[in-house]
Amino acid sequence: MEVVSLLFLPIIDDVILIRNDLEQIQELKKFLNDRFKLKDLGNLKYFLGIEVARSTKGIFLSQMKYAFEILKDTRFLSAKLSKFPMEQKLTLNENDRELITNPSSYRRLVGR
């Protein structure tokens, strides 16, 4: 009989540790580092499109940079503001529309 051994490797790209007690964070990082290969990136500044800023008043979260990148990618950075960006009483009909020739950029934008 052949014996097969399986190796399970958990893959985690990023982990955020949040705790009031810095000593407990250090203990957890040591515990994890003893079992896995870790790279400490220091204080959190940017994660999944969210900027993180700290002050004495607390933590401020912002997606301004992420929104700016979307506007830049779609070439809407210099677009003018509009109260309502599309016709308000528009009735869509399947036969009236024109198909997008290359929907990949549209799908990418919706996915963001």
PDB file of N, CA and C in Angstrom:
ATOM      1  N   MET A   1       0.833  -1.164   0.000  1.00  0.00           N
ATOM      2  CA  MET A   1       0.000   0.000   0.000  1.00  0.00           C
ATOM      3  C   MET A   1       0.889   1.243   0.000  1.00  0.00           C
ATOM      4  N   GLU A   2       0.531   2.214  -0.861  1.00  0.00           N
ATOM      5  CA  GLU A   2       1.305   3.455  -0.982  1.00  0.00           C
ATOM      6  C   GLU A   2       0.762   4.487   0.000  1.00  0.00           C
ATOM      7  N   VAL A   3       1.668   5.134   0.688  1.00  0.00           N
ATOM      8  CA  VAL A   3       1.276   6.170   1.639  1.00  0.00           C
ATOM      9  C   VAL A   3       1.476   7.527   0.973  1.00  0.00           C
ATOM     10  N   VAL A   4       0.450   8.323   0.985  1.00  0.00           N
ATOM     11  CA  VAL A   4       0.511   9.657   0.389  1.00  0.00           C
ATOM     12  C   VAL A   4       0.441  10.678   1.511  1.00  0.00           C
ATOM     13  N   SER A   5       1.391  11.569   1.520  1.00  0.00           N
ATOM     14  CA  SER A   5       1.344  12.628   2.531  1.00  0.00           C
ATOM     15  C   SER A   5       0.959  13.931   1.847  1.00  0.00           C
ATOM     16  N   LEU A   6       0.094  14.647   2.479  1.00  0.00           N
ATOM     17  CA  LEU A   6      -0.367  15.923   1.946  1.00  0.00           C
ATOM     18  C   LEU A   6       0.200  17.050   2.787  1.00  0.00           C
ATOM     19  N   LEU A   7       0.583  18.103   2.124  1.00  0.00           N
ATOM     20  CA  LEU A   7       1.098  19.279   2.809  1.00  0.00           C
ATOM     21  C   LEU A   7       0.138  20.425   2.546  1.00  0.00           C
ATOM     22  N   PHE A   8      -0.422  20.969   3.592  1.00  0.00           N
ATOM     23  CA  PHE A   8      -1.348  22.092   3.468  1.00  0.00           C
ATOM     24  C   PHE A   8      -0.595  23.367   3.820  1.00  0.00           C
ATOM     25  N   LEU A   9      -0.553  24.288   2.878  1.00  0.00           N
ATOM     26  CA  LEU A   9       0.116  25.565   3.112  1.00  0.00           C
ATOM     27  C   LEU A   9      -0.914  26.689   3.050  1.00  0.00           C
ATOM     28  N   PRO A  10      -1.232  27.275   4.186  1.00  0.00           N
ATOM     29  CA  PRO A  10      -2.156  28.403   4.132  1.00  0.00           C
ATOM     30  C   PRO A  10      -1.462  29.612   3.504  1.00  0.00           C
ATOM     31  N   ILE A  11      -2.142  30.217   2.574  1.00  0.00           N
ATOM     32  CA  ILE A  11      -1.573  31.393   1.914  1.00  0.00           C
ATOM     33  C   ILE A  11      -2.427  32.591   2.278  1.00  0.00           C
ATOM     34  N   ILE A  12      -1.830  33.535   2.962  1.00  0.00           N
ATOM     35  CA  ILE A  12      -2.502  34.765   3.358  1.00  0.00           C
ATOM     36  C   ILE A  12      -1.627  35.914   2.894  1.00  0.00           C
ATOM     37  N   ASP A  13      -2.200  36.754   2.062  1.00  0.00           N
ATOM     38  CA  ASP A  13      -1.421  37.878   1.550  1.00  0.00           C
ATOM     39  C   ASP A  13      -1.165  38.921   2.631  1.00  0.00           C
ATOM     40  N   ASP A  14      -2.212  39.363   3.279  1.00  0.00           N
ATOM     41  CA  ASP A  14      -2.082  40.428   4.271  1.00  0.00           C
ATOM     42  C   ASP A  14      -2.959  40.141   5.477  1.00  0.00           C
ATOM     43  N   VAL A  15      -2.443  40.470   6.634  1.00  0.00           N
ATOM     44  CA  VAL A  15      -3.193  40.344   7.878  1.00  0.00           C
ATOM     45  C   VAL A  15      -3.008  41.651   8.636  1.00  0.00           C
ATOM     46  N   ILE A  16      -4.106  42.158   9.161  1.00  0.00           N
ATOM     47  CA  ILE A  16      -4.045  43.381   9.960  1.00  0.00           C
ATOM     48  C   ILE A  16      -4.280  42.996  11.414  1.00  0.00           C
ATOM     49  N   LEU A  17      -3.347  43.375  12.263  1.00  0.00           N
ATOM     50  CA  LEU A  17      -3.492  43.123  13.702  1.00  0.00           C
ATOM     51  C   LEU A  17      -3.829  44.442  14.389  1.00  0.00           C
ATOM     52  N   ILE A  18      -4.950  44.449  15.102  1.00  0.00           N
ATOM     53  CA  ILE A  18      -5.387  45.657  15.804  1.00  0.00           C
ATOM     54  C   ILE A  18      -5.639  45.298  17.256  1.00  0.00           C
ATOM     55  N   ARG A  19      -5.008  46.057  18.121  1.00  0.00           N
ATOM     56  CA  ARG A  19      -5.165  45.794  19.548  1.00  0.00           C
ATOM     57  C   ARG A  19      -4.727  47.036  20.316  1.00  0.00           C
ATOM     58  N   ASN A  20      -5.339  47.312  21.437  1.00  0.00           N
ATOM     59  CA  ASN A  20      -4.910  48.435  22.274  1.00  0.00           C
ATOM     60  C   ASN A  20      -3.585  48.148  22.961  1.00  0.00           C
ATOM     61  N   ASP A  21      -3.333  46.877  23.240  1.00  0.00           N
ATOM     62  CA  ASP A  21      -2.139  46.471  23.986  1.00  0.00           C
ATOM     63  C   ASP A  21      -1.030  46.066  23.013  1.00  0.00           C
ATOM     64  N   LEU A  22      -0.005  46.898  22.896  1.00  0.00           N
ATOM     65  CA  LEU A  22       1.102  46.644  21.970  1.00  0.00           C
ATOM     66  C   LEU A  22       1.847  45.353  22.329  1.00  0.00           C
ATOM     67  N   GLU A  23       1.943  45.033  23.609  1.00  0.00           N
ATOM     68  CA  GLU A  23       2.623  43.814  24.044  1.00  0.00           C
ATOM     69  C   GLU A  23       1.907  42.567  23.521  1.00  0.00           C
ATOM     70  N   GLN A  24       0.582  42.577  23.525  1.00  0.00           N
ATOM     71  CA  GLN A  24      -0.174  41.442  23.013  1.00  0.00           C
ATOM     72  C   GLN A  24       0.011  41.290  21.499  1.00  0.00           C
ATOM     73  N   ILE A  25       0.118  42.393  20.797  1.00  0.00           N
ATOM     74  CA  ILE A  25       0.386  42.329  19.352  1.00  0.00           C
ATOM     75  C   ILE A  25       1.747  41.701  19.108  1.00  0.00           C
ATOM     76  N   GLN A  26       2.754  42.104  19.887  1.00  0.00           N
ATOM     77  CA  GLN A  26       4.105  41.549  19.726  1.00  0.00           C
ATOM     78  C   GLN A  26       4.113  40.043  20.007  1.00  0.00           C
ATOM     79  N   GLU A  27       3.384  39.619  21.024  1.00  0.00           N
ATOM     80  CA  GLU A  27       3.298  38.193  21.350  1.00  0.00           C
ATOM     81  C   GLU A  27       2.652  37.410  20.208  1.00  0.00           C
ATOM     82  N   LEU A  28       1.565  37.936  19.653  1.00  0.00           N
ATOM     83  CA  LEU A  28       0.889  37.260  18.551  1.00  0.00           C
ATOM     84  C   LEU A  28       1.782  37.213  17.310  1.00  0.00           C
ATOM     85  N   LYS A  29       2.484  38.287  17.028  1.00  0.00           N
ATOM     86  CA  LYS A  29       3.396  38.292  15.875  1.00  0.00           C
ATOM     87  C   LYS A  29       4.514  37.275  16.061  1.00  0.00           C
ATOM     88  N   LYS A  30       5.030  37.159  17.280  1.00  0.00           N
ATOM     89  CA  LYS A  30       6.070  36.160  17.545  1.00  0.00           C
ATOM     90  C   LYS A  30       5.519  34.755  17.374  1.00  0.00           C
ATOM     91  N   PHE A  31       4.317  34.513  17.912  1.00  0.00           N
ATOM     92  CA  PHE A  31       3.662  33.210  17.785  1.00  0.00           C
ATOM     93  C   PHE A  31       3.493  32.841  16.311  1.00  0.00           C
ATOM     94  N   LEU A  32       2.970  33.755  15.515  1.00  0.00           N
ATOM     95  CA  LEU A  32       2.762  33.489  14.086  1.00  0.00           C
ATOM     96  C   LEU A  32       4.076  33.327  13.348  1.00  0.00           C
ATOM     97  N   ASN A  33       5.053  34.138  13.690  1.00  0.00           N
ATOM     98  CA  ASN A  33       6.357  34.067  13.035  1.00  0.00           C
ATOM     99  C   ASN A  33       7.084  32.757  13.326  1.00  0.00           C
ATOM    100  N   ASP A  34       6.839  32.170  14.497  1.00  0.00           N
ATOM    101  CA  ASP A  34       7.451  30.881  14.836  1.00  0.00           C
ATOM    102  C   ASP A  34       6.880  29.748  13.978  1.00  0.00           C
ATOM    103  N   ARG A  35       5.687  29.947  13.449  1.00  0.00           N
ATOM    104  CA  ARG A  35       5.025  28.894  12.683  1.00  0.00           C
ATOM    105  C   ARG A  35       4.963  29.160  11.177  1.00  0.00           C
ATOM    106  N   PHE A  36       5.015  30.431  10.794  1.00  0.00           N
ATOM    107  CA  PHE A  36       4.917  30.815   9.382  1.00  0.00           C
ATOM    108  C   PHE A  36       5.986  31.848   9.052  1.00  0.00           C
ATOM    109  N   LYS A  37       6.235  31.990   7.776  1.00  0.00           N
ATOM    110  CA  LYS A  37       7.174  33.018   7.329  1.00  0.00           C
ATOM    111  C   LYS A  37       6.407  34.334   7.241  1.00  0.00           C
ATOM    112  N   LEU A  38       6.777  35.300   8.063  1.00  0.00           N
ATOM    113  CA  LEU A  38       6.087  36.576   8.108  1.00  0.00           C
ATOM    114  C   LEU A  38       6.992  37.719   7.695  1.00  0.00           C
ATOM    115  N   LYS A  39       6.361  38.757   7.207  1.00  0.00           N
ATOM    116  CA  LYS A  39       7.061  40.001   6.913  1.00  0.00           C
ATOM    117  C   LYS A  39       6.236  41.118   7.529  1.00  0.00           C
ATOM    118  N   ASP A  40       6.781  41.767   8.535  1.00  0.00           N
ATOM    119  CA  ASP A  40       6.080  42.851   9.216  1.00  0.00           C
ATOM    120  C   ASP A  40       6.248  44.131   8.401  1.00  0.00           C
ATOM    121  N   LEU A  41       5.139  44.679   7.934  1.00  0.00           N
ATOM    122  CA  LEU A  41       5.175  45.889   7.109  1.00  0.00           C
ATOM    123  C   LEU A  41       5.012  47.159   7.930  1.00  0.00           C
ATOM    124  N   GLY A  42       4.958  47.015   9.243  1.00  0.00           N
ATOM    125  CA  GLY A  42       4.849  48.196  10.102  1.00  0.00           C
ATOM    126  C   GLY A  42       3.424  48.699  10.220  1.00  0.00           C
ATOM    127  N   ASN A  43       3.302  49.969  10.548  1.00  0.00           N
ATOM    128  CA  ASN A  43       1.973  50.565  10.729  1.00  0.00           C
ATOM    129  C   ASN A  43       1.204  50.588   9.418  1.00  0.00           C
ATOM    130  N   LEU A  44      -0.083  50.334   9.513  1.00  0.00           N
ATOM    131  CA  LEU A  44      -0.965  50.294   8.358  1.00  0.00           C
ATOM    132  C   LEU A  44      -1.156  51.690   7.794  1.00  0.00           C
ATOM    133  N   LYS A  45      -0.923  51.821   6.476  1.00  0.00           N
ATOM    134  CA  LYS A  45      -1.107  53.099   5.802  1.00  0.00           C
ATOM    135  C   LYS A  45      -2.118  52.991   4.662  1.00  0.00           C
ATOM    136  N   TYR A  46      -2.183  51.820   4.019  1.00  0.00           N
ATOM    137  CA  TYR A  46      -3.038  51.643   2.850  1.00  0.00           C
ATOM    138  C   TYR A  46      -3.409  50.169   2.751  1.00  0.00           C
ATOM    139  N   PHE A  47      -4.706  49.873   2.620  1.00  0.00           N
ATOM    140  CA  PHE A  47      -5.141  48.479   2.552  1.00  0.00           C
ATOM    141  C   PHE A  47      -6.424  48.381   1.752  1.00  0.00           C
ATOM    142  N   LEU A  48      -6.419  47.572   0.699  1.00  0.00           N
ATOM    143  CA  LEU A  48      -7.589  47.326  -0.146  1.00  0.00           C
ATOM    144  C   LEU A  48      -8.281  48.613  -0.590  1.00  0.00           C
ATOM    145  N   GLY A  49      -7.477  49.573  -1.032  1.00  0.00           N
ATOM    146  CA  GLY A  49      -8.030  50.826  -1.528  1.00  0.00           C
ATOM    147  C   GLY A  49      -8.410  51.817  -0.449  1.00  0.00           C
ATOM    148  N   ILE A  50      -8.109  51.502   0.794  1.00  0.00           N
ATOM    149  CA  ILE A  50      -8.453  52.404   1.899  1.00  0.00           C
ATOM    150  C   ILE A  50      -7.174  52.962   2.512  1.00  0.00           C
ATOM    151  N   GLU A  51      -7.089  54.294   2.548  1.00  0.00           N
ATOM    152  CA  GLU A  51      -5.968  54.948   3.214  1.00  0.00           C
ATOM    153  C   GLU A  51      -6.275  55.054   4.702  1.00  0.00           C
ATOM    154  N   VAL A  52      -5.270  54.834   5.531  1.00  0.00           N
ATOM    155  CA  VAL A  52      -5.435  54.870   6.978  1.00  0.00           C
ATOM    156  C   VAL A  52      -4.508  55.932   7.545  1.00  0.00           C
ATOM    157  N   ALA A  53      -5.077  56.912   8.243  1.00  0.00           N
ATOM    158  CA  ALA A  53      -4.284  57.967   8.878  1.00  0.00           C
ATOM    159  C   ALA A  53      -4.615  57.997  10.362  1.00  0.00           C
ATOM    160  N   ARG A  54      -3.587  58.143  11.176  1.00  0.00           N
ATOM    161  CA  ARG A  54      -3.773  58.178  12.633  1.00  0.00           C
ATOM    162  C   ARG A  54      -3.491  59.583  13.161  1.00  0.00           C
ATOM    163  N   SER A  55      -4.228  59.931  14.199  1.00  0.00           N
ATOM    164  CA  SER A  55      -3.964  61.176  14.903  1.00  0.00           C
ATOM    165  C   SER A  55      -4.301  60.952  16.373  1.00  0.00           C
ATOM    166  N   THR A  56      -4.110  61.970  17.161  1.00  0.00           N
ATOM    167  CA  THR A  56      -4.441  61.848  18.586  1.00  0.00           C
ATOM    168  C   THR A  56      -5.950  61.714  18.791  1.00  0.00           C
ATOM    169  N   LYS A  57      -6.739  62.128  17.784  1.00  0.00           N
ATOM    170  CA  LYS A  57      -8.197  62.041  17.876  1.00  0.00           C
ATOM    171  C   LYS A  57      -8.735  60.680  17.447  1.00  0.00           C
ATOM    172  N   GLY A  58      -7.908  59.865  16.793  1.00  0.00           N
ATOM    173  CA  GLY A  58      -8.362  58.547  16.366  1.00  0.00           C
ATOM    174  C   GLY A  58      -7.800  58.164  15.008  1.00  0.00           C
ATOM    175  N   ILE A  59      -8.514  57.275  14.338  1.00  0.00           N
ATOM    176  CA  ILE A  59      -8.093  56.750  13.033  1.00  0.00           C
ATOM    177  C   ILE A  59      -9.052  57.281  11.978  1.00  0.00           C
ATOM    178  N   PHE A  60      -8.497  57.759  10.866  1.00  0.00           N
ATOM    179  CA  PHE A  60      -9.281  58.293   9.757  1.00  0.00           C
ATOM    180  C   PHE A  60      -9.109  57.380   8.557  1.00  0.00           C
ATOM    181  N   LEU A  61     -10.228  56.917   7.975  1.00  0.00           N
ATOM    182  CA  LEU A  61     -10.202  56.054   6.797  1.00  0.00           C
ATOM    183  C   LEU A  61     -10.703  56.846   5.596  1.00  0.00           C
ATOM    184  N   SER A  62     -10.027  56.708   4.460  1.00  0.00           N
ATOM    185  CA  SER A  62     -10.406  57.452   3.262  1.00  0.00           C
ATOM    186  C   SER A  62     -10.173  56.607   2.017  1.00  0.00           C
ATOM    187  N   GLN A  63     -11.079  56.733   1.053  1.00  0.00           N
ATOM    188  CA  GLN A  63     -10.911  56.076  -0.239  1.00  0.00           C
ATOM    189  C   GLN A  63     -10.675  57.103  -1.344  1.00  0.00           C
ATOM    190  N   MET A  64     -10.212  58.300  -0.986  1.00  0.00           N
ATOM    191  CA  MET A  64      -9.998  59.360  -1.956  1.00  0.00           C
ATOM    192  C   MET A  64      -8.993  58.942  -3.038  1.00  0.00           C
ATOM    193  N   LYS A  65      -7.880  58.349  -2.643  1.00  0.00           N
ATOM    194  CA  LYS A  65      -6.868  57.922  -3.620  1.00  0.00           C
ATOM    195  C   LYS A  65      -7.447  56.866  -4.561  1.00  0.00           C
ATOM    196  N   TYR A  66      -8.225  55.932  -4.020  1.00  0.00           N
ATOM    197  CA  TYR A  66      -8.852  54.870  -4.819  1.00  0.00           C
ATOM    198  C   TYR A  66      -9.830  55.467  -5.824  1.00  0.00           C
ATOM    199  N   ALA A  67     -10.675  56.399  -5.371  1.00  0.00           N
ATOM    200  CA  ALA A  67     -11.629  57.065  -6.260  1.00  0.00           C
ATOM    201  C   ALA A  67     -10.894  57.862  -7.334  1.00  0.00           C
ATOM    202  N   PHE A  68      -9.816  58.531  -6.949  1.00  0.00           N
ATOM    203  CA  PHE A  68      -9.006  59.297  -7.897  1.00  0.00           C
ATOM    204  C   PHE A  68      -8.430  58.375  -8.982  1.00  0.00           C
ATOM    205  N   GLU A  69      -7.956  57.195  -8.592  1.00  0.00           N
ATOM    206  CA  GLU A  69      -7.401  56.242  -9.564  1.00  0.00           C
ATOM    207  C   GLU A  69      -8.467  55.756 -10.539  1.00  0.00           C
ATOM    208  N   ILE A  70      -9.697  55.540 -10.058  1.00  0.00           N
ATOM    209  CA  ILE A  70     -10.789  55.128 -10.944  1.00  0.00           C
ATOM    210  C   ILE A  70     -11.104  56.242 -11.938  1.00  0.00           C
ATOM    211  N   LEU A  71     -11.187  57.477 -11.461  1.00  0.00           N
ATOM    212  CA  LEU A  71     -11.450  58.606 -12.355  1.00  0.00           C
ATOM    213  C   LEU A  71     -10.333  58.768 -13.381  1.00  0.00           C
ATOM    214  N   LYS A  72      -9.106  58.555 -12.945  1.00  0.00           N
ATOM    215  CA  LYS A  72      -7.953  58.660 -13.854  1.00  0.00           C
ATOM    216  C   LYS A  72      -7.993  57.560 -14.913  1.00  0.00           C
ATOM    217  N   ASP A  73      -8.268  56.319 -14.496  1.00  0.00           N
ATOM    218  CA  ASP A  73      -8.318  55.181 -15.423  1.00  0.00           C
ATOM    219  C   ASP A  73      -9.433  55.311 -16.454  1.00  0.00           C
ATOM    220  N   THR A  74     -10.552  55.932 -16.064  1.00  0.00           N
ATOM    221  CA  THR A  74     -11.691  56.065 -16.963  1.00  0.00           C
ATOM    222  C   THR A  74     -11.673  57.384 -17.738  1.00  0.00           C
ATOM    223  N   ARG A  75     -10.633  58.156 -17.542  1.00  0.00           N
ATOM    224  CA  ARG A  75     -10.470  59.468 -18.193  1.00  0.00           C
ATOM    225  C   ARG A  75     -11.591  60.443 -17.828  1.00  0.00           C
ATOM    226  N   PHE A  76     -12.123  60.321 -16.618  1.00  0.00           N
ATOM    227  CA  PHE A  76     -13.150  61.237 -16.136  1.00  0.00           C
ATOM    228  C   PHE A  76     -12.588  62.236 -15.130  1.00  0.00           C
ATOM    229  N   LEU A  77     -11.268  62.310 -15.015  1.00  0.00           N
ATOM    230  CA  LEU A  77     -10.645  63.181 -14.034  1.00  0.00           C
ATOM    231  C   LEU A  77     -10.983  64.651 -14.290  1.00  0.00           C
ATOM    232  N   SER A  78     -11.089  65.041 -15.553  1.00  0.00           N
ATOM    233  CA  SER A  78     -11.388  66.442 -15.867  1.00  0.00           C
ATOM    234  C   SER A  78     -12.859  66.652 -16.228  1.00  0.00           C
ATOM    235  N   ALA A  79     -13.705  65.664 -15.936  1.00  0.00           N
ATOM    236  CA  ALA A  79     -15.134  65.787 -16.252  1.00  0.00           C
ATOM    237  C   ALA A  79     -15.788  66.835 -15.365  1.00  0.00           C
ATOM    238  N   LYS A  80     -16.818  67.473 -15.890  1.00  0.00           N
ATOM    239  CA  LYS A  80     -17.539  68.484 -15.129  1.00  0.00           C
ATOM    240  C   LYS A  80     -18.636  67.814 -14.305  1.00  0.00           C
ATOM    241  N   LEU A  81     -18.925  68.409 -13.159  1.00  0.00           N
ATOM    242  CA  LEU A  81     -19.966  67.885 -12.278  1.00  0.00           C
ATOM    243  C   LEU A  81     -21.341  68.062 -12.907  1.00  0.00           C
ATOM    244  N   SER A  82     -22.225  67.166 -12.573  1.00  0.00           N
ATOM    245  CA  SER A  82     -23.599  67.233 -13.039  1.00  0.00           C
ATOM    246  C   SER A  82     -24.505  66.841 -11.882  1.00  0.00           C
ATOM    247  N   LYS A  83     -25.652  67.527 -11.755  1.00  0.00           N
ATOM    248  CA  LYS A  83     -26.572  67.177 -10.671  1.00  0.00           C
ATOM    249  C   LYS A  83     -27.067  65.747 -10.820  1.00  0.00           C
ATOM    250  N   PHE A  84     -27.371  65.350 -12.045  1.00  0.00           N
ATOM    251  CA  PHE A  84     -27.832  63.997 -12.306  1.00  0.00           C
ATOM    252  C   PHE A  84     -27.195  63.556 -13.625  1.00  0.00           C
ATOM    253  N   PRO A  85     -26.264  62.612 -13.607  1.00  0.00           N
ATOM    254  CA  PRO A  85     -25.443  62.307 -14.782  1.00  0.00           C
ATOM    255  C   PRO A  85     -26.115  61.551 -15.932  1.00  0.00           C
ATOM    256  N   MET A  86     -27.400  61.216 -15.812  1.00  0.00           N
ATOM    257  CA  MET A  86     -28.078  60.559 -16.929  1.00  0.00           C
ATOM    258  C   MET A  86     -29.527  61.038 -17.019  1.00  0.00           C
ATOM    259  N   GLU A  87     -30.121  60.811 -18.132  1.00  0.00           N
ATOM    260  CA  GLU A  87     -31.505  61.221 -18.343  1.00  0.00           C
ATOM    261  C   GLU A  87     -32.389  60.605 -17.263  1.00  0.00           C
ATOM    262  N   GLN A  88     -33.195  61.417 -16.613  1.00  0.00           N
ATOM    263  CA  GLN A  88     -33.962  60.951 -15.459  1.00  0.00           C
ATOM    264  C   GLN A  88     -35.116  60.028 -15.804  1.00  0.00           C
ATOM    265  N   LYS A  89     -35.764  60.219 -16.920  1.00  0.00           N
ATOM    266  CA  LYS A  89     -36.915  59.378 -17.250  1.00  0.00           C
ATOM    267  C   LYS A  89     -36.601  58.483 -18.447  1.00  0.00           C
ATOM    268  N   LEU A  90     -35.392  58.008 -18.482  1.00  0.00           N
ATOM    269  CA  LEU A  90     -34.933  57.152 -19.571  1.00  0.00           C
ATOM    270  C   LEU A  90     -35.584  55.772 -19.481  1.00  0.00           C
ATOM    271  N   THR A  91     -36.120  55.300 -20.597  1.00  0.00           N
ATOM    272  CA  THR A  91     -36.677  53.954 -20.676  1.00  0.00           C
ATOM    273  C   THR A  91     -35.761  53.135 -21.562  1.00  0.00           C
ATOM    274  N   LEU A  92     -35.213  52.089 -21.005  1.00  0.00           N
ATOM    275  CA  LEU A  92     -34.282  51.246 -21.751  1.00  0.00           C
ATOM    276  C   LEU A  92     -35.031  50.101 -22.409  1.00  0.00           C
ATOM    277  N   ASN A  93     -34.644  49.824 -23.632  1.00  0.00           N
ATOM    278  CA  ASN A  93     -35.249  48.749 -24.402  1.00  0.00           C
ATOM    279  C   ASN A  93     -34.120  47.923 -24.994  1.00  0.00           C
ATOM    280  N   GLU A  94     -34.217  46.634 -24.920  1.00  0.00           N
ATOM    281  CA  GLU A  94     -33.144  45.756 -25.393  1.00  0.00           C
ATOM    282  C   GLU A  94     -32.788  46.000 -26.861  1.00  0.00           C
ATOM    283  N   ASN A  95     -33.752  46.355 -27.677  1.00  0.00           N
ATOM    284  CA  ASN A  95     -33.509  46.563 -29.107  1.00  0.00           C
ATOM    285  C   ASN A  95     -32.908  47.929 -29.420  1.00  0.00           C
ATOM    286  N   ASP A  96     -32.983  48.877 -28.502  1.00  0.00           N
ATOM    287  CA  ASP A  96     -32.497  50.245 -28.734  1.00  0.00           C
ATOM    288  C   ASP A  96     -31.009  50.427 -28.438  1.00  0.00           C
ATOM    289  N   ARG A  97     -30.429  49.494 -27.760  1.00  0.00           N
ATOM    290  CA  ARG A  97     -29.056  49.709 -27.304  1.00  0.00           C
ATOM    291  C   ARG A  97     -28.018  49.215 -28.303  1.00  0.00           C
ATOM    292  N   GLU A  98     -26.853  49.823 -28.193  1.00  0.00           N
ATOM    293  CA  GLU A  98     -25.707  49.418 -28.989  1.00  0.00           C
ATOM    294  C   GLU A  98     -24.801  48.584 -28.092  1.00  0.00           C
ATOM    295  N   LEU A  99     -24.335  47.465 -28.565  1.00  0.00           N
ATOM    296  CA  LEU A  99     -23.480  46.611 -27.748  1.00  0.00           C
ATOM    297  C   LEU A  99     -22.082  47.213 -27.642  1.00  0.00           C
ATOM    298  N   ILE A 100     -21.472  47.005 -26.517  1.00  0.00           N
ATOM    299  CA  ILE A 100     -20.102  47.465 -26.302  1.00  0.00           C
ATOM    300  C   ILE A 100     -19.177  46.556 -27.093  1.00  0.00           C
ATOM    301  N   THR A 101     -18.285  47.157 -27.871  1.00  0.00           N
ATOM    302  CA  THR A 101     -17.394  46.344 -28.703  1.00  0.00           C
ATOM    303  C   THR A 101     -16.357  45.594 -27.867  1.00  0.00           C
ATOM    304  N   ASN A 102     -15.854  46.227 -26.818  1.00  0.00           N
ATOM    305  CA  ASN A 102     -14.877  45.579 -25.950  1.00  0.00           C
ATOM    306  C   ASN A 102     -15.326  45.759 -24.494  1.00  0.00           C
ATOM    307  N   PRO A 103     -16.077  44.814 -23.940  1.00  0.00           N
ATOM    308  CA  PRO A 103     -16.634  44.983 -22.591  1.00  0.00           C
ATOM    309  C   PRO A 103     -15.622  44.770 -21.456  1.00  0.00           C
ATOM    310  N   SER A 104     -14.387  44.401 -21.758  1.00  0.00           N
ATOM    311  CA  SER A 104     -13.426  44.102 -20.685  1.00  0.00           C
ATOM    312  C   SER A 104     -13.141  45.319 -19.808  1.00  0.00           C
ATOM    313  N   SER A 105     -13.004  46.510 -20.391  1.00  0.00           N
ATOM    314  CA  SER A 105     -12.736  47.695 -19.566  1.00  0.00           C
ATOM    315  C   SER A 105     -13.953  48.032 -18.705  1.00  0.00           C
ATOM    316  N   TYR A 106     -15.160  47.828 -19.242  1.00  0.00           N
ATOM    317  CA  TYR A 106     -16.385  48.049 -18.469  1.00  0.00           C
ATOM    318  C   TYR A 106     -16.450  47.067 -17.298  1.00  0.00           C
ATOM    319  N   ARG A 107     -16.167  45.814 -17.560  1.00  0.00           N
ATOM    320  CA  ARG A 107     -16.202  44.790 -16.498  1.00  0.00           C
ATOM    321  C   ARG A 107     -15.175  45.091 -15.424  1.00  0.00           C
ATOM    322  N   ARG A 108     -13.992  45.536 -15.837  1.00  0.00           N
ATOM    323  CA  ARG A 108     -12.931  45.873 -14.893  1.00  0.00           C
ATOM    324  C   ARG A 108     -13.377  47.022 -13.978  1.00  0.00           C
ATOM    325  N   LEU A 109     -14.007  48.032 -14.571  1.00  0.00           N
ATOM    326  CA  LEU A 109     -14.476  49.175 -13.802  1.00  0.00           C
ATOM    327  C   LEU A 109     -15.576  48.763 -12.811  1.00  0.00           C
ATOM    328  N   VAL A 110     -16.528  47.953 -13.253  1.00  0.00           N
ATOM    329  CA  VAL A 110     -17.596  47.481 -12.373  1.00  0.00           C
ATOM    330  C   VAL A 110     -17.004  46.624 -11.248  1.00  0.00           C
ATOM    331  N   GLY A 111     -15.986  45.856 -11.544  1.00  0.00           N
ATOM    332  CA  GLY A 111     -15.331  45.032 -10.529  1.00  0.00           C
ATOM    333  C   GLY A 111     -14.596  45.833  -9.473  1.00  0.00           C
ATOM    334  N   ARG A 112     -14.190  47.024  -9.833  1.00  0.00           N
ATOM    335  CA  ARG A 112     -13.496  47.867  -8.864  1.00  0.00           C
ATOM    336  C   ARG A 112     -14.469  48.447  -7.891  1.00  0.00           C
TER     337      ARG A 112
END
